[in-house]
């Protein structure tokens, strides 16, 4: 097989408070953002304020917290414990369409893409894993002091319940995709009053 047909995959260890916490498989780049986004979107830290430092060195990212990691729990338990968003967010079709097309333009071979937007600020991230790309976007927002309730988040991949969980646990009220959500994803989005938008790059995005 030709080398240009293979996508790059790497592995690093996420250490929290000096102890190994996770081994993460991903694409090269933005490992600090990925680590912070992973901890937030998995509910292992309550908020960005709990994170003191994030240091990357070779194949390790070391995170220092104010306290201990939150215990791991089932996704449905995490989502059931979240309060619904007070207001169902929305965005106009021109913005959604523009961001949806940003998910498609010049996308690297073998990678998924995520985009996060706050006001006039936009950041785009790629990774072999769609979950990782989303975590990189969430981590970027956290490291740059963005209020997640003011953000909207998009993915080039399909919306499973896991993807919804990442947005909801991070406090992001709107999640869009180039594709469609699963039935379970839509069910929990309704419970949480979280806006989903499908077919984001099309002439007529579908607001759910």
N, C-alpha and C. Protein backbone atom coordinates (compact mmCIF):
# COMPACT_ATOMS: atom_id res chain seq x y z
N UNK A 1 0.84 -1.20 0.00
CA UNK A 1 0.00 0.00 0.00
C UNK A 1 0.88 1.25 0.00
N UNK A 2 0.50 2.24 -0.81
CA UNK A 2 1.27 3.47 -0.88
C UNK A 2 1.17 4.25 0.44
N UNK A 3 2.29 4.90 0.80
CA UNK A 3 2.32 5.65 2.05
C UNK A 3 1.31 6.79 2.07
N UNK A 4 1.04 7.39 0.89
CA UNK A 4 0.10 8.51 0.86
C UNK A 4 -1.34 8.07 1.05
N UNK A 5 -1.57 6.74 1.13
CA UNK A 5 -2.91 6.23 1.40
C UNK A 5 -3.12 5.94 2.88
N UNK A 6 -2.08 6.14 3.69
CA UNK A 6 -2.16 5.88 5.13
C UNK A 6 -2.28 7.18 5.89
N UNK A 7 -3.18 7.24 6.87
CA UNK A 7 -3.23 8.42 7.73
C UNK A 7 -2.37 8.17 8.96
N UNK A 8 -1.84 9.24 9.53
CA UNK A 8 -0.95 9.13 10.68
C UNK A 8 -1.75 8.97 11.97
N UNK A 9 -1.28 8.07 12.81
CA UNK A 9 -1.89 7.87 14.13
C UNK A 9 -0.78 7.85 15.17
N UNK A 10 -1.02 8.51 16.29
CA UNK A 10 -0.04 8.60 17.36
C UNK A 10 -0.69 8.20 18.68
N UNK A 11 0.15 8.06 19.69
CA UNK A 11 -0.33 7.67 21.02
C UNK A 11 0.39 8.51 22.07
N UNK A 12 -0.36 9.05 23.03
CA UNK A 12 0.29 9.74 24.14
C UNK A 12 -0.41 9.39 25.45
N UNK A 13 0.31 9.61 26.53
CA UNK A 13 -0.22 9.34 27.87
C UNK A 13 -0.69 10.64 28.50
N UNK A 14 -1.90 10.64 28.99
CA UNK A 14 -2.44 11.77 29.74
C UNK A 14 -2.24 11.49 31.22
N UNK A 15 -1.46 12.35 31.86
CA UNK A 15 -1.20 12.22 33.30
C UNK A 15 -1.94 13.34 34.03
N UNK A 16 -2.60 13.00 35.10
CA UNK A 16 -3.34 13.98 35.89
C UNK A 16 -2.85 13.93 37.33
N UNK A 17 -2.42 15.08 37.81
CA UNK A 17 -1.86 15.18 39.17
C UNK A 17 -0.75 14.17 39.40
N UNK A 18 0.07 13.97 38.36
CA UNK A 18 1.24 13.12 38.47
C UNK A 18 1.01 11.65 38.20
N UNK A 19 -0.25 11.24 38.00
CA UNK A 19 -0.57 9.83 37.80
C UNK A 19 -1.10 9.58 36.40
N UNK A 20 -0.75 8.44 35.77
CA UNK A 20 -1.31 8.12 34.46
C UNK A 20 -2.83 7.99 34.55
N UNK A 21 -3.54 8.68 33.65
CA UNK A 21 -5.01 8.65 33.68
C UNK A 21 -5.59 7.97 32.44
N UNK A 22 -5.01 8.24 31.27
CA UNK A 22 -5.51 7.68 30.02
C UNK A 22 -4.37 7.54 29.03
N UNK A 23 -4.52 6.61 28.11
CA UNK A 23 -3.66 6.54 26.92
C UNK A 23 -4.55 6.89 25.73
N UNK A 24 -4.18 7.93 25.00
CA UNK A 24 -5.04 8.46 23.96
C UNK A 24 -4.41 8.23 22.58
N UNK A 25 -5.19 7.63 21.69
CA UNK A 25 -4.79 7.43 20.30
C UNK A 25 -5.39 8.56 19.47
N UNK A 26 -4.56 9.19 18.63
CA UNK A 26 -5.03 10.39 17.95
C UNK A 26 -4.08 10.74 16.81
N UNK A 27 -4.36 11.85 16.15
CA UNK A 27 -3.44 12.41 15.16
C UNK A 27 -2.45 13.34 15.85
N UNK A 28 -1.39 13.67 15.14
CA UNK A 28 -0.38 14.58 15.67
C UNK A 28 -0.97 15.98 15.82
N UNK A 29 -0.55 16.67 16.90
CA UNK A 29 -0.89 18.08 17.05
C UNK A 29 -2.04 18.36 17.99
N UNK A 30 -1.94 19.51 18.70
CA UNK A 30 -2.99 20.00 19.59
C UNK A 30 -3.32 19.02 20.70
N UNK A 31 -2.29 18.40 21.27
CA UNK A 31 -2.52 17.43 22.34
C UNK A 31 -2.94 18.10 23.65
N UNK A 32 -2.48 19.32 23.89
CA UNK A 32 -2.93 20.04 25.09
C UNK A 32 -4.43 20.29 25.01
N UNK A 33 -4.88 20.78 23.86
CA UNK A 33 -6.31 21.03 23.67
C UNK A 33 -7.10 19.73 23.78
N UNK A 34 -6.58 18.67 23.17
CA UNK A 34 -7.26 17.37 23.22
C UNK A 34 -7.40 16.88 24.66
N UNK A 35 -6.35 17.03 25.44
CA UNK A 35 -6.38 16.54 26.83
C UNK A 35 -7.40 17.30 27.67
N UNK A 36 -7.40 18.62 27.55
CA UNK A 36 -8.35 19.43 28.31
C UNK A 36 -9.78 19.15 27.86
N UNK A 37 -9.98 19.09 26.54
CA UNK A 37 -11.31 18.81 26.02
C UNK A 37 -11.82 17.45 26.45
N UNK A 38 -10.93 16.46 26.46
CA UNK A 38 -11.31 15.12 26.88
C UNK A 38 -11.78 15.12 28.34
N UNK A 39 -11.01 15.76 29.21
CA UNK A 39 -11.37 15.78 30.63
C UNK A 39 -12.71 16.48 30.86
N UNK A 40 -12.94 17.58 30.14
CA UNK A 40 -14.19 18.31 30.29
C UNK A 40 -15.37 17.53 29.71
N UNK A 41 -15.19 17.02 28.51
CA UNK A 41 -16.31 16.38 27.82
C UNK A 41 -16.67 15.02 28.40
N UNK A 42 -15.74 14.42 29.15
CA UNK A 42 -16.02 13.15 29.82
C UNK A 42 -16.51 13.36 31.25
N UNK A 43 -16.62 14.63 31.66
CA UNK A 43 -17.08 14.90 33.02
C UNK A 43 -16.06 14.58 34.09
N UNK A 44 -14.77 14.45 33.72
CA UNK A 44 -13.75 14.12 34.71
C UNK A 44 -13.29 15.34 35.50
N UNK A 45 -13.54 16.54 34.95
CA UNK A 45 -13.40 17.79 35.71
C UNK A 45 -14.70 18.56 35.55
N UNK A 46 -15.07 19.31 36.58
CA UNK A 46 -16.36 20.00 36.57
C UNK A 46 -16.35 21.22 35.67
N UNK A 47 -15.22 21.94 35.64
CA UNK A 47 -15.15 23.15 34.81
C UNK A 47 -13.70 23.48 34.51
N UNK A 48 -13.51 24.41 33.60
CA UNK A 48 -12.16 24.85 33.26
C UNK A 48 -11.43 25.44 34.46
N UNK A 49 -12.18 25.99 35.41
CA UNK A 49 -11.56 26.59 36.59
C UNK A 49 -10.82 25.57 37.45
N UNK A 50 -11.14 24.28 37.27
CA UNK A 50 -10.48 23.23 38.06
C UNK A 50 -9.08 22.91 37.54
N UNK A 51 -8.74 23.41 36.34
CA UNK A 51 -7.46 23.08 35.71
C UNK A 51 -6.43 24.16 36.02
N UNK A 52 -5.32 23.76 36.63
CA UNK A 52 -4.27 24.71 37.00
C UNK A 52 -3.23 24.86 35.89
N UNK A 53 -2.66 23.74 35.43
CA UNK A 53 -1.62 23.79 34.40
C UNK A 53 -1.79 22.62 33.43
N UNK A 54 -1.31 22.84 32.20
CA UNK A 54 -1.30 21.79 31.18
C UNK A 54 0.05 21.87 30.47
N UNK A 55 0.86 20.82 30.60
CA UNK A 55 2.20 20.81 30.02
C UNK A 55 2.36 19.61 29.09
N UNK A 56 2.91 19.86 27.90
CA UNK A 56 3.16 18.79 26.94
C UNK A 56 4.65 18.56 26.78
N UNK A 57 5.06 17.28 26.83
CA UNK A 57 6.47 16.93 26.64
C UNK A 57 6.56 15.57 25.98
N UNK A 58 7.13 15.52 24.78
CA UNK A 58 7.27 14.30 24.00
C UNK A 58 5.93 13.57 23.88
N UNK A 59 5.82 12.37 24.46
CA UNK A 59 4.59 11.60 24.31
C UNK A 59 3.72 11.63 25.56
N UNK A 60 3.77 12.75 26.28
CA UNK A 60 3.00 12.89 27.52
C UNK A 60 2.40 14.29 27.61
N UNK A 61 1.17 14.36 28.10
CA UNK A 61 0.57 15.63 28.50
C UNK A 61 0.25 15.52 29.99
N UNK A 62 0.77 16.47 30.76
CA UNK A 62 0.57 16.46 32.21
C UNK A 62 -0.37 17.59 32.61
N UNK A 63 -1.46 17.23 33.27
CA UNK A 63 -2.46 18.20 33.72
C UNK A 63 -2.45 18.23 35.25
N UNK A 64 -2.42 19.42 35.79
CA UNK A 64 -2.50 19.59 37.24
C UNK A 64 -3.84 20.24 37.58
N UNK A 65 -4.58 19.59 38.48
CA UNK A 65 -5.90 20.08 38.87
C UNK A 65 -5.87 20.68 40.28
N UNK A 66 -6.88 21.48 40.59
CA UNK A 66 -7.03 21.99 41.95
C UNK A 66 -7.32 20.86 42.93
N UNK A 67 -8.10 19.89 42.47
CA UNK A 67 -8.47 18.75 43.31
C UNK A 67 -8.25 17.46 42.56
N UNK A 68 -9.05 16.45 42.89
CA UNK A 68 -8.92 15.14 42.26
C UNK A 68 -9.82 15.04 41.03
N UNK A 69 -9.52 14.06 40.18
CA UNK A 69 -10.40 13.75 39.07
C UNK A 69 -11.77 13.32 39.58
N UNK A 70 -12.82 13.71 38.86
CA UNK A 70 -14.14 13.18 39.15
C UNK A 70 -14.18 11.71 38.73
N UNK A 71 -14.91 10.88 39.46
CA UNK A 71 -14.96 9.46 39.09
C UNK A 71 -15.62 9.26 37.73
N UNK A 72 -15.15 8.27 37.00
CA UNK A 72 -15.76 7.94 35.71
C UNK A 72 -17.14 7.33 35.95
N UNK A 73 -18.08 7.63 35.05
CA UNK A 73 -19.42 7.04 35.17
C UNK A 73 -20.01 6.86 33.78
N UNK A 74 -21.12 6.14 33.70
CA UNK A 74 -21.75 5.89 32.41
C UNK A 74 -22.24 7.20 31.79
N UNK A 75 -22.19 7.25 30.46
CA UNK A 75 -22.60 8.45 29.74
C UNK A 75 -24.04 8.83 30.06
N UNK A 76 -24.95 7.88 30.04
CA UNK A 76 -26.35 8.21 30.29
C UNK A 76 -26.56 8.75 31.70
N UNK A 77 -25.76 8.27 32.67
CA UNK A 77 -25.85 8.81 34.03
C UNK A 77 -25.37 10.26 34.07
N UNK A 78 -24.27 10.55 33.34
CA UNK A 78 -23.78 11.93 33.29
C UNK A 78 -24.82 12.86 32.69
N UNK A 79 -25.43 12.42 31.59
CA UNK A 79 -26.40 13.28 30.92
C UNK A 79 -27.66 13.46 31.75
N UNK A 80 -28.08 12.42 32.44
CA UNK A 80 -29.29 12.51 33.27
C UNK A 80 -29.09 13.47 34.44
N UNK A 81 -27.84 13.65 34.86
CA UNK A 81 -27.55 14.54 35.99
C UNK A 81 -27.44 16.01 35.57
N UNK A 82 -27.38 16.27 34.27
CA UNK A 82 -27.22 17.65 33.80
C UNK A 82 -28.57 18.37 33.78
N UNK A 83 -28.60 19.64 34.20
CA UNK A 83 -29.84 20.42 34.03
C UNK A 83 -30.00 20.80 32.56
N UNK A 84 -31.23 20.94 32.08
CA UNK A 84 -31.42 21.37 30.69
C UNK A 84 -30.97 22.82 30.50
N UNK A 85 -30.58 23.15 29.28
CA UNK A 85 -30.25 24.54 28.97
C UNK A 85 -31.51 25.39 29.13
N UNK A 86 -31.35 26.57 29.71
CA UNK A 86 -32.50 27.42 30.02
C UNK A 86 -33.22 27.87 28.75
N UNK A 87 -32.45 28.16 27.71
CA UNK A 87 -33.02 28.62 26.43
C UNK A 87 -32.44 27.76 25.32
N UNK A 88 -33.29 27.34 24.39
CA UNK A 88 -32.80 26.54 23.27
C UNK A 88 -32.09 27.45 22.28
N UNK A 89 -30.80 27.24 22.11
CA UNK A 89 -29.99 28.11 21.25
C UNK A 89 -30.35 27.90 19.79
N UNK A 90 -29.98 28.87 18.97
CA UNK A 90 -30.15 28.71 17.52
C UNK A 90 -29.17 29.64 16.83
N UNK A 91 -28.98 29.42 15.54
CA UNK A 91 -28.10 30.26 14.73
C UNK A 91 -28.71 30.34 13.34
N UNK A 92 -28.47 31.45 12.65
CA UNK A 92 -29.10 31.59 11.33
C UNK A 92 -28.43 30.68 10.31
N UNK A 93 -29.17 30.38 9.27
CA UNK A 93 -28.71 29.41 8.27
C UNK A 93 -27.43 29.84 7.57
N UNK A 94 -27.25 31.14 7.35
CA UNK A 94 -26.04 31.60 6.67
C UNK A 94 -24.79 31.26 7.47
N UNK A 95 -24.86 31.46 8.80
CA UNK A 95 -23.72 31.13 9.65
C UNK A 95 -23.49 29.63 9.69
N UNK A 96 -24.55 28.86 9.89
CA UNK A 96 -24.42 27.40 9.94
C UNK A 96 -23.85 26.87 8.63
N UNK A 97 -24.35 27.39 7.51
CA UNK A 97 -23.88 26.93 6.20
C UNK A 97 -22.40 27.27 6.00
N UNK A 98 -22.00 28.46 6.42
CA UNK A 98 -20.61 28.88 6.29
C UNK A 98 -19.69 27.98 7.12
N UNK A 99 -20.09 27.69 8.35
CA UNK A 99 -19.28 26.84 9.21
C UNK A 99 -19.31 25.39 8.72
N UNK A 100 -20.45 24.97 8.19
CA UNK A 100 -20.53 23.63 7.63
C UNK A 100 -19.57 23.44 6.47
N UNK A 101 -19.46 24.46 5.64
CA UNK A 101 -18.54 24.36 4.51
C UNK A 101 -17.09 24.44 4.95
N UNK A 102 -16.85 25.11 6.08
CA UNK A 102 -15.49 25.12 6.64
C UNK A 102 -15.07 23.72 7.09
N UNK A 103 -16.05 22.88 7.41
CA UNK A 103 -15.76 21.49 7.77
C UNK A 103 -15.32 20.67 6.56
N UNK A 104 -15.64 21.15 5.37
CA UNK A 104 -15.35 20.40 4.15
C UNK A 104 -14.10 20.89 3.42
N UNK A 105 -13.81 22.18 3.52
CA UNK A 105 -12.76 22.78 2.69
C UNK A 105 -11.37 22.32 3.09
N UNK A 106 -10.63 21.80 2.12
CA UNK A 106 -9.23 21.40 2.32
C UNK A 106 -9.06 20.44 3.49
N UNK A 107 -10.04 19.59 3.71
CA UNK A 107 -9.93 18.62 4.82
C UNK A 107 -8.86 17.59 4.49
N UNK A 108 -7.93 17.31 5.41
CA UNK A 108 -6.87 16.34 5.15
C UNK A 108 -7.42 14.93 4.95
N UNK A 109 -6.70 14.13 4.19
CA UNK A 109 -7.11 12.75 3.94
C UNK A 109 -7.18 11.96 5.25
N UNK A 110 -8.23 11.18 5.41
CA UNK A 110 -8.33 10.27 6.54
C UNK A 110 -8.61 10.92 7.88
N UNK A 111 -9.08 12.17 7.88
CA UNK A 111 -9.33 12.85 9.15
C UNK A 111 -10.74 13.41 9.22
N UNK A 112 -11.25 13.46 10.44
CA UNK A 112 -12.49 14.18 10.72
C UNK A 112 -12.13 15.61 11.12
N UNK A 113 -13.13 16.45 11.09
CA UNK A 113 -12.90 17.87 11.40
C UNK A 113 -13.97 18.38 12.36
N UNK A 114 -13.56 19.28 13.23
CA UNK A 114 -14.49 19.98 14.13
C UNK A 114 -14.23 21.47 14.04
N UNK A 115 -15.28 22.25 14.22
CA UNK A 115 -15.15 23.71 14.22
C UNK A 115 -15.92 24.25 15.41
N UNK A 116 -15.35 25.25 16.07
CA UNK A 116 -16.02 25.90 17.19
C UNK A 116 -16.03 27.40 16.93
N UNK A 117 -17.14 28.03 17.30
CA UNK A 117 -17.34 29.46 17.00
C UNK A 117 -17.85 30.17 18.25
N UNK A 118 -17.25 31.33 18.53
CA UNK A 118 -17.75 32.22 19.58
C UNK A 118 -17.69 33.64 19.05
N UNK A 119 -18.85 34.28 18.92
CA UNK A 119 -18.86 35.62 18.34
C UNK A 119 -18.30 35.61 16.94
N UNK A 120 -17.22 36.38 16.72
CA UNK A 120 -16.57 36.40 15.41
C UNK A 120 -15.33 35.52 15.35
N UNK A 121 -15.07 34.77 16.41
CA UNK A 121 -13.87 33.93 16.49
C UNK A 121 -14.21 32.49 16.12
N UNK A 122 -13.38 31.90 15.26
CA UNK A 122 -13.59 30.53 14.80
C UNK A 122 -12.28 29.76 14.88
N UNK A 123 -12.36 28.49 15.29
CA UNK A 123 -11.18 27.63 15.30
C UNK A 123 -11.57 26.27 14.71
N UNK A 124 -10.66 25.70 13.92
CA UNK A 124 -10.91 24.44 13.22
C UNK A 124 -9.83 23.43 13.60
N UNK A 125 -10.24 22.17 13.83
CA UNK A 125 -9.30 21.13 14.24
C UNK A 125 -9.59 19.84 13.49
N UNK A 126 -8.51 19.11 13.19
CA UNK A 126 -8.62 17.83 12.48
C UNK A 126 -8.04 16.71 13.32
N UNK A 127 -8.59 15.51 13.15
CA UNK A 127 -8.03 14.34 13.81
C UNK A 127 -8.59 13.09 13.12
N UNK A 128 -7.84 12.00 13.23
CA UNK A 128 -8.31 10.73 12.66
C UNK A 128 -9.60 10.28 13.34
N UNK A 129 -9.80 10.68 14.59
CA UNK A 129 -11.01 10.33 15.33
C UNK A 129 -11.96 11.51 15.44
N UNK A 130 -13.23 11.30 15.14
CA UNK A 130 -14.19 12.42 15.22
C UNK A 130 -14.37 12.89 16.66
N UNK A 131 -14.28 11.96 17.63
CA UNK A 131 -14.38 12.35 19.03
C UNK A 131 -13.19 13.23 19.42
N UNK A 132 -12.00 12.86 18.94
CA UNK A 132 -10.81 13.65 19.26
C UNK A 132 -10.88 15.05 18.67
N UNK A 133 -11.35 15.16 17.44
CA UNK A 133 -11.46 16.48 16.82
C UNK A 133 -12.38 17.38 17.64
N UNK A 134 -13.48 16.81 18.12
CA UNK A 134 -14.41 17.58 18.94
C UNK A 134 -13.75 17.99 20.26
N UNK A 135 -13.01 17.06 20.87
CA UNK A 135 -12.32 17.37 22.13
C UNK A 135 -11.27 18.47 21.94
N UNK A 136 -10.58 18.46 20.80
CA UNK A 136 -9.60 19.52 20.54
C UNK A 136 -10.28 20.89 20.49
N UNK A 137 -11.44 20.95 19.85
CA UNK A 137 -12.17 22.22 19.76
C UNK A 137 -12.63 22.67 21.15
N UNK A 138 -13.15 21.75 21.94
CA UNK A 138 -13.62 22.08 23.29
C UNK A 138 -12.45 22.53 24.16
N UNK A 139 -11.33 21.82 24.06
CA UNK A 139 -10.15 22.18 24.84
C UNK A 139 -9.59 23.54 24.45
N UNK A 140 -9.63 23.84 23.16
CA UNK A 140 -9.17 25.16 22.69
C UNK A 140 -10.00 26.27 23.32
N UNK A 141 -11.31 26.08 23.32
CA UNK A 141 -12.18 27.09 23.92
C UNK A 141 -11.84 27.29 25.39
N UNK A 142 -11.62 26.19 26.10
CA UNK A 142 -11.30 26.28 27.53
C UNK A 142 -9.97 26.99 27.77
N UNK A 143 -8.94 26.60 27.03
CA UNK A 143 -7.61 27.17 27.23
C UNK A 143 -7.56 28.65 26.87
N UNK A 144 -8.49 29.09 26.02
CA UNK A 144 -8.52 30.50 25.61
C UNK A 144 -9.57 31.31 26.35
N UNK A 145 -10.16 30.72 27.38
CA UNK A 145 -11.07 31.47 28.23
C UNK A 145 -12.43 31.76 27.62
N UNK A 146 -12.84 30.98 26.61
CA UNK A 146 -14.16 31.19 26.01
C UNK A 146 -15.24 30.63 26.93
N UNK A 147 -16.32 31.36 27.09
CA UNK A 147 -17.49 30.84 27.79
C UNK A 147 -18.19 29.86 26.86
N UNK A 148 -18.28 28.60 27.27
CA UNK A 148 -18.84 27.60 26.36
C UNK A 148 -20.31 27.84 26.06
N UNK A 149 -21.03 28.50 26.96
CA UNK A 149 -22.45 28.78 26.68
C UNK A 149 -22.61 29.76 25.52
N UNK A 150 -21.51 30.45 25.16
CA UNK A 150 -21.55 31.39 24.03
C UNK A 150 -21.05 30.75 22.74
N UNK A 151 -20.73 29.47 22.77
CA UNK A 151 -20.13 28.79 21.62
C UNK A 151 -21.15 27.93 20.88
N UNK A 152 -20.86 27.69 19.60
CA UNK A 152 -21.54 26.63 18.86
C UNK A 152 -20.45 25.72 18.30
N UNK A 153 -20.77 24.44 18.15
CA UNK A 153 -19.77 23.42 17.85
C UNK A 153 -20.25 22.56 16.70
N UNK A 154 -19.34 22.23 15.78
CA UNK A 154 -19.73 21.42 14.63
C UNK A 154 -18.76 20.30 14.37
N UNK A 155 -19.25 19.24 13.72
CA UNK A 155 -18.43 18.08 13.38
C UNK A 155 -18.73 17.60 11.97
N UNK A 156 -17.71 17.07 11.32
CA UNK A 156 -17.91 16.50 10.00
C UNK A 156 -18.52 15.10 10.09
N UNK A 157 -18.47 14.50 11.28
CA UNK A 157 -18.97 13.14 11.45
C UNK A 157 -20.43 13.10 11.88
N UNK A 158 -20.96 11.90 11.96
CA UNK A 158 -22.35 11.74 12.40
C UNK A 158 -22.46 12.05 13.89
N UNK A 159 -23.67 12.38 14.33
CA UNK A 159 -23.91 12.73 15.73
C UNK A 159 -24.48 11.52 16.47
N UNK A 160 -23.62 10.84 17.20
CA UNK A 160 -24.06 9.78 18.10
C UNK A 160 -24.33 10.39 19.47
N UNK A 161 -24.83 9.58 20.39
CA UNK A 161 -25.06 10.06 21.75
C UNK A 161 -23.75 10.49 22.39
N UNK A 162 -22.66 9.80 22.08
CA UNK A 162 -21.35 10.19 22.64
C UNK A 162 -20.97 11.61 22.22
N UNK A 163 -21.22 11.95 20.97
CA UNK A 163 -20.87 13.28 20.49
C UNK A 163 -21.74 14.34 21.17
N UNK A 164 -23.02 14.05 21.31
CA UNK A 164 -23.91 14.95 22.04
C UNK A 164 -23.41 15.14 23.47
N UNK A 165 -23.00 14.03 24.10
CA UNK A 165 -22.53 14.09 25.48
C UNK A 165 -21.35 15.03 25.64
N UNK A 166 -20.46 15.06 24.66
CA UNK A 166 -19.29 15.94 24.75
C UNK A 166 -19.71 17.41 24.76
N UNK A 167 -20.65 17.77 23.89
CA UNK A 167 -21.13 19.15 23.87
C UNK A 167 -21.87 19.49 25.16
N UNK A 168 -22.77 18.60 25.58
CA UNK A 168 -23.60 18.87 26.76
C UNK A 168 -22.76 18.98 28.03
N UNK A 169 -21.83 18.04 28.23
CA UNK A 169 -21.00 18.06 29.44
C UNK A 169 -20.06 19.26 29.46
N UNK A 170 -19.78 19.83 28.29
CA UNK A 170 -18.91 21.01 28.21
C UNK A 170 -19.70 22.31 28.27
N UNK A 171 -21.03 22.21 28.29
CA UNK A 171 -21.86 23.41 28.40
C UNK A 171 -22.09 24.14 27.09
N UNK A 172 -21.96 23.43 25.96
CA UNK A 172 -22.16 24.04 24.64
C UNK A 172 -23.59 23.76 24.19
N UNK A 173 -24.38 24.80 23.89
CA UNK A 173 -25.82 24.63 23.69
C UNK A 173 -26.27 24.29 22.27
N UNK A 174 -25.34 24.30 21.29
CA UNK A 174 -25.71 24.01 19.90
C UNK A 174 -24.63 23.18 19.25
N UNK A 175 -25.05 22.08 18.61
CA UNK A 175 -24.14 21.15 17.95
C UNK A 175 -24.65 20.88 16.54
N UNK A 176 -23.78 21.05 15.54
CA UNK A 176 -24.22 20.82 14.17
C UNK A 176 -23.31 19.82 13.47
N UNK A 177 -23.82 19.25 12.39
CA UNK A 177 -23.11 18.19 11.67
C UNK A 177 -23.38 18.29 10.18
N UNK A 178 -22.46 17.76 9.40
CA UNK A 178 -22.69 17.64 7.96
C UNK A 178 -23.70 16.54 7.67
N UNK A 179 -23.91 15.66 8.65
CA UNK A 179 -24.73 14.47 8.42
C UNK A 179 -26.00 14.55 9.26
N UNK A 180 -26.31 13.47 9.98
CA UNK A 180 -27.54 13.41 10.76
C UNK A 180 -27.25 12.86 12.16
N UNK A 181 -28.14 13.12 13.13
CA UNK A 181 -27.99 12.53 14.46
C UNK A 181 -28.64 11.15 14.52
N UNK A 182 -28.26 10.40 15.53
CA UNK A 182 -28.95 9.14 15.82
C UNK A 182 -30.26 9.44 16.55
N UNK A 183 -31.13 8.44 16.64
CA UNK A 183 -32.39 8.64 17.35
C UNK A 183 -32.16 8.90 18.83
N UNK A 184 -31.18 8.21 19.43
CA UNK A 184 -30.90 8.41 20.85
C UNK A 184 -30.30 9.79 21.11
N UNK A 185 -29.45 10.23 20.19
CA UNK A 185 -28.88 11.58 20.29
C UNK A 185 -29.99 12.63 20.28
N UNK A 186 -30.95 12.49 19.39
CA UNK A 186 -32.05 13.45 19.31
C UNK A 186 -32.92 13.39 20.56
N UNK A 187 -33.12 12.20 21.08
CA UNK A 187 -33.94 12.04 22.29
C UNK A 187 -33.32 12.80 23.47
N UNK A 188 -32.02 12.64 23.67
CA UNK A 188 -31.36 13.32 24.79
C UNK A 188 -31.21 14.82 24.53
N UNK A 189 -31.04 15.21 23.28
CA UNK A 189 -30.98 16.64 22.96
C UNK A 189 -32.29 17.32 23.35
N UNK A 190 -33.41 16.66 23.09
CA UNK A 190 -34.71 17.21 23.48
C UNK A 190 -34.81 17.34 25.00
N UNK A 191 -34.33 16.34 25.73
CA UNK A 191 -34.37 16.38 27.19
C UNK A 191 -33.55 17.55 27.74
N UNK A 192 -32.40 17.79 27.09
CA UNK A 192 -31.47 18.80 27.59
C UNK A 192 -31.71 20.18 26.98
N UNK A 193 -32.68 20.28 26.07
CA UNK A 193 -32.96 21.56 25.40
C UNK A 193 -31.74 22.05 24.63
N UNK A 194 -31.01 21.10 24.04
CA UNK A 194 -29.80 21.40 23.27
C UNK A 194 -30.15 21.34 21.79
N UNK A 195 -29.79 22.38 21.07
CA UNK A 195 -30.12 22.48 19.64
C UNK A 195 -29.19 21.61 18.80
N UNK A 196 -29.76 20.81 17.91
CA UNK A 196 -29.01 20.07 16.91
C UNK A 196 -29.34 20.65 15.53
N UNK A 197 -28.33 20.71 14.66
CA UNK A 197 -28.55 21.12 13.27
C UNK A 197 -27.87 20.09 12.38
N UNK A 198 -28.64 19.50 11.47
CA UNK A 198 -28.13 18.50 10.53
C UNK A 198 -27.94 19.12 9.14
N UNK A 199 -27.17 18.45 8.31
CA UNK A 199 -26.93 18.88 6.92
C UNK A 199 -26.46 20.34 6.88
N UNK A 200 -25.46 20.63 7.72
CA UNK A 200 -25.06 22.02 7.94
C UNK A 200 -24.54 22.73 6.70
N UNK A 201 -23.92 22.00 5.78
CA UNK A 201 -23.34 22.65 4.60
C UNK A 201 -24.33 22.75 3.44
N UNK A 202 -25.53 22.24 3.62
CA UNK A 202 -26.50 22.21 2.53
C UNK A 202 -27.19 23.57 2.37
N UNK A 203 -27.95 23.70 1.32
CA UNK A 203 -28.70 24.94 1.11
C UNK A 203 -29.78 25.14 2.17
N UNK A 204 -30.22 24.03 2.78
CA UNK A 204 -31.28 24.11 3.79
C UNK A 204 -30.90 23.28 5.02
N UNK A 205 -30.07 23.83 5.93
CA UNK A 205 -29.75 23.11 7.16
C UNK A 205 -31.02 22.76 7.93
N UNK A 206 -30.99 21.62 8.61
CA UNK A 206 -32.17 21.13 9.32
C UNK A 206 -32.00 21.37 10.81
N UNK A 207 -32.81 22.27 11.38
CA UNK A 207 -32.74 22.61 12.80
C UNK A 207 -33.67 21.67 13.56
N UNK A 208 -33.12 20.98 14.55
CA UNK A 208 -33.89 19.97 15.29
C UNK A 208 -34.05 20.37 16.75
